[in-house]
Amino acid sequence: MNVKMTILGLSLAGLATLAGCSSPSVITTTDGEKIMTADRPETDRDDGFVEYEQNGQEKRVNRSEVRSIEEVK
């Protein structure tokens, strides 16, 4: 029984860690569109695009078309 409790505890700790890593965000474009993302988009690319994942697909928006990126609280 002690082994089962240890495994259960480690599993719950792992799930809590994964849940804590998620940073839902909203990208607001210059034309007013709001794009919801599950994680914070990558913005440090040299090609001038903001990359994010939406519905399992990776998407890109030109940085010049992004007004703001805000974390959802």
PDB file of N, CA and C in Angstrom:
ATOM      1  N   MET A   1       0.823  -1.189   0.000  1.00  0.00           N
ATOM      2  CA  MET A   1       0.000   0.000   0.000  1.00  0.00           C
ATOM      3  C   MET A   1       0.867   1.252   0.000  1.00  0.00           C
ATOM      4  N   ASN A   2       1.997   1.211   0.675  1.00  0.00           N
ATOM      5  CA  ASN A   2       2.890   2.355   0.743  1.00  0.00           C
ATOM      6  C   ASN A   2       3.422   2.726  -0.645  1.00  0.00           C
ATOM      7  N   VAL A   3       3.690   1.732  -1.476  1.00  0.00           N
ATOM      8  CA  VAL A   3       4.187   1.983  -2.832  1.00  0.00           C
ATOM      9  C   VAL A   3       3.098   2.667  -3.665  1.00  0.00           C
ATOM     10  N   LYS A   4       1.850   2.219  -3.500  1.00  0.00           N
ATOM     11  CA  LYS A   4       0.745   2.828  -4.242  1.00  0.00           C
ATOM     12  C   LYS A   4       0.580   4.300  -3.858  1.00  0.00           C
ATOM     13  N   MET A   5       0.698   4.608  -2.587  1.00  0.00           N
ATOM     14  CA  MET A   5       0.566   5.996  -2.137  1.00  0.00           C
ATOM     15  C   MET A   5       1.706   6.857  -2.676  1.00  0.00           C
ATOM     16  N   THR A   6       2.906   6.296  -2.733  1.00  0.00           N
ATOM     17  CA  THR A   6       4.051   7.034  -3.277  1.00  0.00           C
ATOM     18  C   THR A   6       3.845   7.331  -4.757  1.00  0.00           C
ATOM     19  N   ILE A   7       3.391   6.322  -5.496  1.00  0.00           N
ATOM     20  CA  ILE A   7       3.138   6.513  -6.931  1.00  0.00           C
ATOM     21  C   ILE A   7       2.024   7.533  -7.136  1.00  0.00           C
ATOM     22  N   LEU A   8       0.968   7.452  -6.346  1.00  0.00           N
ATOM     23  CA  LEU A   8      -0.129   8.397  -6.444  1.00  0.00           C
ATOM     24  C   LEU A   8       0.352   9.820  -6.156  1.00  0.00           C
ATOM     25  N   GLY A   9       1.151   9.975  -5.122  1.00  0.00           N
ATOM     26  CA  GLY A   9       1.678  11.292  -4.766  1.00  0.00           C
ATOM     27  C   GLY A   9       2.557  11.875  -5.858  1.00  0.00           C
ATOM     28  N   LEU A  10       3.419  11.060  -6.426  1.00  0.00           N
ATOM     29  CA  LEU A  10       4.289  11.530  -7.514  1.00  0.00           C
ATOM     30  C   LEU A  10       3.472  11.887  -8.760  1.00  0.00           C
ATOM     31  N   SER A  11       2.451  11.103  -9.045  1.00  0.00           N
ATOM     32  CA  SER A  11       1.607  11.382 -10.204  1.00  0.00           C
ATOM     33  C   SER A  11       0.874  12.715 -10.036  1.00  0.00           C
ATOM     34  N   LEU A  12       0.327  12.940  -8.859  1.00  0.00           N
ATOM     35  CA  LEU A  12      -0.372  14.204  -8.610  1.00  0.00           C
ATOM     36  C   LEU A  12       0.583  15.394  -8.662  1.00  0.00           C
ATOM     37  N   ALA A  13       1.783  15.221  -8.149  1.00  0.00           N
ATOM     38  CA  ALA A  13       2.775  16.299  -8.205  1.00  0.00           C
ATOM     39  C   ALA A  13       3.152  16.605  -9.654  1.00  0.00           C
ATOM     40  N   GLY A  14       3.286  15.577 -10.466  1.00  0.00           N
ATOM     41  CA  GLY A  14       3.603  15.773 -11.878  1.00  0.00           C
ATOM     42  C   GLY A  14       2.493  16.501 -12.618  1.00  0.00           C
ATOM     43  N   LEU A  15       1.247  16.132 -12.346  1.00  0.00           N
ATOM     44  CA  LEU A  15       0.115  16.812 -12.985  1.00  0.00           C
ATOM     45  C   LEU A  15       0.017  18.265 -12.550  1.00  0.00           C
ATOM     46  N   ALA A  16       0.277  18.530 -11.288  1.00  0.00           N
ATOM     47  CA  ALA A  16       0.238  19.909 -10.795  1.00  0.00           C
ATOM     48  C   ALA A  16       1.322  20.749 -11.463  1.00  0.00           C
ATOM     49  N   THR A  17       2.482  20.147 -11.677  1.00  0.00           N
ATOM     50  CA  THR A  17       3.576  20.852 -12.342  1.00  0.00           C
ATOM     51  C   THR A  17       3.199  21.180 -13.781  1.00  0.00           C
ATOM     52  N   LEU A  18       2.622  20.225 -14.492  1.00  0.00           N
ATOM     53  CA  LEU A  18       2.213  20.464 -15.877  1.00  0.00           C
ATOM     54  C   LEU A  18       1.121  21.520 -15.956  1.00  0.00           C
ATOM     55  N   ALA A  19       0.186  21.490 -15.064  1.00  0.00           N
ATOM     56  CA  ALA A  19      -0.893  22.476 -15.072  1.00  0.00           C
ATOM     57  C   ALA A  19      -0.357  23.873 -14.767  1.00  0.00           C
ATOM     58  N   GLY A  20       0.664  23.971 -13.951  1.00  0.00           N
ATOM     59  CA  GLY A  20       1.249  25.255 -13.604  1.00  0.00           C
ATOM     60  C   GLY A  20       2.056  25.872 -14.723  1.00  0.00           C
ATOM     61  N   CYS A  21       2.469  25.087 -15.693  1.00  0.00           N
ATOM     62  CA  CYS A  21       3.287  25.595 -16.794  1.00  0.00           C
ATOM     63  C   CYS A  21       2.461  26.293 -17.864  1.00  0.00           C
ATOM     64  N   SER A  22       1.187  26.046 -17.898  1.00  0.00           N
ATOM     65  CA  SER A  22       0.330  26.629 -18.912  1.00  0.00           C
ATOM     66  C   SER A  22       0.086  28.102 -18.613  1.00  0.00           C
ATOM     67  N   SER A  23       0.233  28.940 -19.626  1.00  0.00           N
ATOM     68  CA  SER A  23      -0.006  30.382 -19.496  1.00  0.00           C
ATOM     69  C   SER A  23      -0.937  30.836 -20.609  1.00  0.00           C
ATOM     70  N   PRO A  24      -2.256  30.633 -20.440  1.00  0.00           N
ATOM     71  CA  PRO A  24      -3.180  31.076 -21.486  1.00  0.00           C
ATOM     72  C   PRO A  24      -3.007  32.569 -21.759  1.00  0.00           C
ATOM     73  N   SER A  25      -3.059  32.932 -23.021  1.00  0.00           N
ATOM     74  CA  SER A  25      -2.825  34.316 -23.415  1.00  0.00           C
ATOM     75  C   SER A  25      -3.851  34.765 -24.450  1.00  0.00           C
ATOM     76  N   VAL A  26      -3.971  36.080 -24.587  1.00  0.00           N
ATOM     77  CA  VAL A  26      -4.808  36.683 -25.622  1.00  0.00           C
ATOM     78  C   VAL A  26      -3.920  37.589 -26.462  1.00  0.00           C
ATOM     79  N   ILE A  27      -3.903  37.336 -27.762  1.00  0.00           N
ATOM     80  CA  ILE A  27      -3.181  38.193 -28.699  1.00  0.00           C
ATOM     81  C   ILE A  27      -4.208  39.145 -29.298  1.00  0.00           C
ATOM     82  N   THR A  28      -3.991  40.437 -29.173  1.00  0.00           N
ATOM     83  CA  THR A  28      -4.874  41.429 -29.780  1.00  0.00           C
ATOM     84  C   THR A  28      -4.156  42.007 -30.993  1.00  0.00           C
ATOM     85  N   THR A  29      -4.792  41.911 -32.154  1.00  0.00           N
ATOM     86  CA  THR A  29      -4.181  42.411 -33.386  1.00  0.00           C
ATOM     87  C   THR A  29      -4.559  43.875 -33.597  1.00  0.00           C
ATOM     88  N   THR A  30      -3.890  44.509 -34.541  1.00  0.00           N
ATOM     89  CA  THR A  30      -4.133  45.924 -34.814  1.00  0.00           C
ATOM     90  C   THR A  30      -5.530  46.188 -35.355  1.00  0.00           C
ATOM     91  N   ASP A  31      -6.175  45.164 -35.934  1.00  0.00           N
ATOM     92  CA  ASP A  31      -7.543  45.352 -36.426  1.00  0.00           C
ATOM     93  C   ASP A  31      -8.591  44.966 -35.376  1.00  0.00           C
ATOM     94  N   GLY A  32      -8.171  44.672 -34.137  1.00  0.00           N
ATOM     95  CA  GLY A  32      -9.089  44.417 -33.038  1.00  0.00           C
ATOM     96  C   GLY A  32      -9.422  42.956 -32.792  1.00  0.00           C
ATOM     97  N   GLU A  33      -8.923  42.056 -33.618  1.00  0.00           N
ATOM     98  CA  GLU A  33      -9.189  40.629 -33.427  1.00  0.00           C
ATOM     99  C   GLU A  33      -8.492  40.145 -32.159  1.00  0.00           C
ATOM    100  N   LYS A  34      -9.169  39.300 -31.384  1.00  0.00           N
ATOM    101  CA  LYS A  34      -8.591  38.714 -30.188  1.00  0.00           C
ATOM    102  C   LYS A  34      -8.415  37.220 -30.418  1.00  0.00           C
ATOM    103  N   ILE A  35      -7.184  36.742 -30.263  1.00  0.00           N
ATOM    104  CA  ILE A  35      -6.853  35.343 -30.497  1.00  0.00           C
ATOM    105  C   ILE A  35      -6.486  34.716 -29.159  1.00  0.00           C
ATOM    106  N   MET A  36      -7.242  33.691 -28.753  1.00  0.00           N
ATOM    107  CA  MET A  36      -6.963  32.981 -27.500  1.00  0.00           C
ATOM    108  C   MET A  36      -5.956  31.865 -27.770  1.00  0.00           C
ATOM    109  N   THR A  37      -4.936  31.761 -26.911  1.00  0.00           N
ATOM    110  CA  THR A  37      -3.944  30.701 -27.033  1.00  0.00           C
ATOM    111  C   THR A  37      -3.839  29.956 -25.710  1.00  0.00           C
ATOM    112  N   ALA A  38      -3.469  28.682 -25.763  1.00  0.00           N
ATOM    113  CA  ALA A  38      -3.336  27.866 -24.554  1.00  0.00           C
ATOM    114  C   ALA A  38      -2.057  28.201 -23.789  1.00  0.00           C
ATOM    115  N   ASP A  39      -1.013  28.590 -24.491  1.00  0.00           N
ATOM    116  CA  ASP A  39       0.278  28.930 -23.887  1.00  0.00           C
ATOM    117  C   ASP A  39       0.739  30.282 -24.399  1.00  0.00           C
ATOM    118  N   ARG A  40       1.713  30.852 -23.710  1.00  0.00           N
ATOM    119  CA  ARG A  40       2.267  32.138 -24.131  1.00  0.00           C
ATOM    120  C   ARG A  40       2.958  31.971 -25.483  1.00  0.00           C
ATOM    121  N   PRO A  41       2.647  32.826 -26.445  1.00  0.00           N
ATOM    122  CA  PRO A  41       3.265  32.731 -27.773  1.00  0.00           C
ATOM    123  C   PRO A  41       4.758  33.052 -27.738  1.00  0.00           C
ATOM    124  N   GLU A  42       5.478  32.514 -28.699  1.00  0.00           N
ATOM    125  CA  GLU A  42       6.902  32.830 -28.849  1.00  0.00           C
ATOM    126  C   GLU A  42       7.023  34.123 -29.641  1.00  0.00           C
ATOM    127  N   THR A  43       7.796  35.074 -29.118  1.00  0.00           N
ATOM    128  CA  THR A  43       7.940  36.363 -29.798  1.00  0.00           C
ATOM    129  C   THR A  43       9.391  36.720 -30.095  1.00  0.00           C
ATOM    130  N   ASP A  44      10.328  35.875 -29.739  1.00  0.00           N
ATOM    131  CA  ASP A  44      11.739  36.217 -29.897  1.00  0.00           C
ATOM    132  C   ASP A  44      12.341  35.654 -31.182  1.00  0.00           C
ATOM    133  N   ARG A  45      11.536  35.503 -32.189  1.00  0.00           N
ATOM    134  CA  ARG A  45      12.021  34.974 -33.462  1.00  0.00           C
ATOM    135  C   ARG A  45      12.636  36.097 -34.305  1.00  0.00           C
ATOM    136  N   ASP A  46      13.657  35.772 -35.069  1.00  0.00           N
ATOM    137  CA  ASP A  46      14.323  36.754 -35.928  1.00  0.00           C
ATOM    138  C   ASP A  46      13.516  37.078 -37.185  1.00  0.00           C
ATOM    139  N   ASP A  47      12.533  36.235 -37.519  1.00  0.00           N
ATOM    140  CA  ASP A  47      11.798  36.445 -38.761  1.00  0.00           C
ATOM    141  C   ASP A  47      10.634  37.431 -38.627  1.00  0.00           C
ATOM    142  N   GLY A  48      10.390  37.968 -37.418  1.00  0.00           N
ATOM    143  CA  GLY A  48       9.367  38.988 -37.245  1.00  0.00           C
ATOM    144  C   GLY A  48       7.959  38.465 -37.052  1.00  0.00           C
ATOM    145  N   PHE A  49       7.801  37.185 -36.731  1.00  0.00           N
ATOM    146  CA  PHE A  49       6.489  36.605 -36.523  1.00  0.00           C
ATOM    147  C   PHE A  49       6.288  36.187 -35.076  1.00  0.00           C
ATOM    148  N   VAL A  50       5.048  36.222 -34.631  1.00  0.00           N
ATOM    149  CA  VAL A  50       4.653  35.693 -33.335  1.00  0.00           C
ATOM    150  C   VAL A  50       4.060  34.318 -33.621  1.00  0.00           C
ATOM    151  N   GLU A  51       4.569  33.284 -32.957  1.00  0.00           N
ATOM    152  CA  GLU A  51       4.086  31.932 -33.193  1.00  0.00           C
ATOM    153  C   GLU A  51       3.300  31.448 -31.986  1.00  0.00           C
ATOM    154  N   TYR A  52       2.182  30.767 -32.260  1.00  0.00           N
ATOM    155  CA  TYR A  52       1.346  30.222 -31.200  1.00  0.00           C
ATOM    156  C   TYR A  52       0.644  28.974 -31.707  1.00  0.00           C
ATOM    157  N   GLU A  53       0.100  28.200 -30.772  1.00  0.00           N
ATOM    158  CA  GLU A  53      -0.639  27.001 -31.136  1.00  0.00           C
ATOM    159  C   GLU A  53      -2.111  27.212 -30.805  1.00  0.00           C
ATOM    160  N   GLN A  54      -2.966  26.853 -31.751  1.00  0.00           N
ATOM    161  CA  GLN A  54      -4.406  26.999 -31.564  1.00  0.00           C
ATOM    162  C   GLN A  54      -5.095  25.779 -32.172  1.00  0.00           C
ATOM    163  N   ASN A  55      -5.873  25.084 -31.354  1.00  0.00           N
ATOM    164  CA  ASN A  55      -6.583  23.871 -31.795  1.00  0.00           C
ATOM    165  C   ASN A  55      -5.639  22.833 -32.386  1.00  0.00           C
ATOM    166  N   GLY A  56      -4.460  22.699 -31.799  1.00  0.00           N
ATOM    167  CA  GLY A  56      -3.496  21.699 -32.242  1.00  0.00           C
ATOM    168  C   GLY A  56      -2.691  22.081 -33.467  1.00  0.00           C
ATOM    169  N   GLN A  57      -2.901  23.277 -34.002  1.00  0.00           N
ATOM    170  CA  GLN A  57      -2.166  23.723 -35.185  1.00  0.00           C
ATOM    171  C   GLN A  57      -1.272  24.895 -34.824  1.00  0.00           C
ATOM    172  N   GLU A  58      -0.060  24.882 -35.360  1.00  0.00           N
ATOM    173  CA  GLU A  58       0.849  25.999 -35.131  1.00  0.00           C
ATOM    174  C   GLU A  58       0.527  27.115 -36.128  1.00  0.00           C
ATOM    175  N   LYS A  59       0.365  28.330 -35.606  1.00  0.00           N
ATOM    176  CA  LYS A  59       0.012  29.474 -36.447  1.00  0.00           C
ATOM    177  C   LYS A  59       0.999  30.605 -36.220  1.00  0.00           C
ATOM    178  N   ARG A  60       1.019  31.545 -37.164  1.00  0.00           N
ATOM    179  CA  ARG A  60       1.937  32.680 -37.090  1.00  0.00           C
ATOM    180  C   ARG A  60       1.216  33.962 -37.459  1.00  0.00           C
ATOM    181  N   VAL A  61       1.593  35.049 -36.780  1.00  0.00           N
ATOM    182  CA  VAL A  61       1.073  36.380 -37.081  1.00  0.00           C
ATOM    183  C   VAL A  61       2.272  37.314 -37.176  1.00  0.00           C
ATOM    184  N   ASN A  62       2.265  38.180 -38.168  1.00  0.00           N
ATOM    185  CA  ASN A  62       3.343  39.147 -38.307  1.00  0.00           C
ATOM    186  C   ASN A  62       3.361  40.056 -37.078  1.00  0.00           C
ATOM    187  N   ARG A  63       4.533  40.265 -36.501  1.00  0.00           N
ATOM    188  CA  ARG A  63       4.670  41.064 -35.279  1.00  0.00           C
ATOM    189  C   ARG A  63       4.128  42.483 -35.459  1.00  0.00           C
ATOM    190  N   SER A  64       4.230  43.033 -36.653  1.00  0.00           N
ATOM    191  CA  SER A  64       3.734  44.383 -36.898  1.00  0.00           C
ATOM    192  C   SER A  64       2.207  44.458 -36.828  1.00  0.00           C
ATOM    193  N   GLU A  65       1.521  43.299 -36.890  1.00  0.00           N
ATOM    194  CA  GLU A  65       0.067  43.258 -36.812  1.00  0.00           C
ATOM    195  C   GLU A  65      -0.428  42.969 -35.391  1.00  0.00           C
ATOM    196  N   VAL A  66       0.485  42.835 -34.418  1.00  0.00           N
ATOM    197  CA  VAL A  66       0.108  42.517 -33.040  1.00  0.00           C
ATOM    198  C   VAL A  66       0.154  43.787 -32.201  1.00  0.00           C
ATOM    199  N   ARG A  67      -0.994  44.123 -31.591  1.00  0.00           N
ATOM    200  CA  ARG A  67      -1.059  45.289 -30.714  1.00  0.00           C
ATOM    201  C   ARG A  67      -0.578  44.915 -29.315  1.00  0.00           C
ATOM    202  N   SER A  68      -1.025  43.756 -28.785  1.00  0.00           N
ATOM    203  CA  SER A  68      -0.615  43.356 -27.443  1.00  0.00           C
ATOM    204  C   SER A  68      -0.753  41.851 -27.275  1.00  0.00           C
ATOM    205  N   ILE A  69      -0.019  41.328 -26.286  1.00  0.00           N
ATOM    206  CA  ILE A  69      -0.124  39.950 -25.847  1.00  0.00           C
ATOM    207  C   ILE A  69      -0.269  39.997 -24.333  1.00  0.00           C
ATOM    208  N   GLU A  70      -1.403  39.504 -23.845  1.00  0.00           N
ATOM    209  CA  GLU A  70      -1.680  39.558 -22.420  1.00  0.00           C
ATOM    210  C   GLU A  70      -1.962  38.168 -21.885  1.00  0.00           C
ATOM    211  N   GLU A  71      -1.429  37.886 -20.713  1.00  0.00           N
ATOM    212  CA  GLU A  71      -1.693  36.607 -20.059  1.00  0.00           C
ATOM    213  C   GLU A  71      -3.075  36.671 -19.414  1.00  0.00           C
ATOM    214  N   VAL A  72      -3.860  35.614 -19.622  1.00  0.00           N
ATOM    215  CA  VAL A  72      -5.186  35.537 -19.027  1.00  0.00           C
ATOM    216  C   VAL A  72      -5.028  35.107 -17.584  1.00  0.00           C
ATOM    217  N   LYS A  73      -5.673  35.822 -16.674  1.00  0.00           N
ATOM    218  CA  LYS A  73      -5.529  35.508 -15.255  1.00  0.00           C
ATOM    219  C   LYS A  73      -6.749  34.839 -14.729  1.00  0.00           C
TER     220      LYS A  73
END
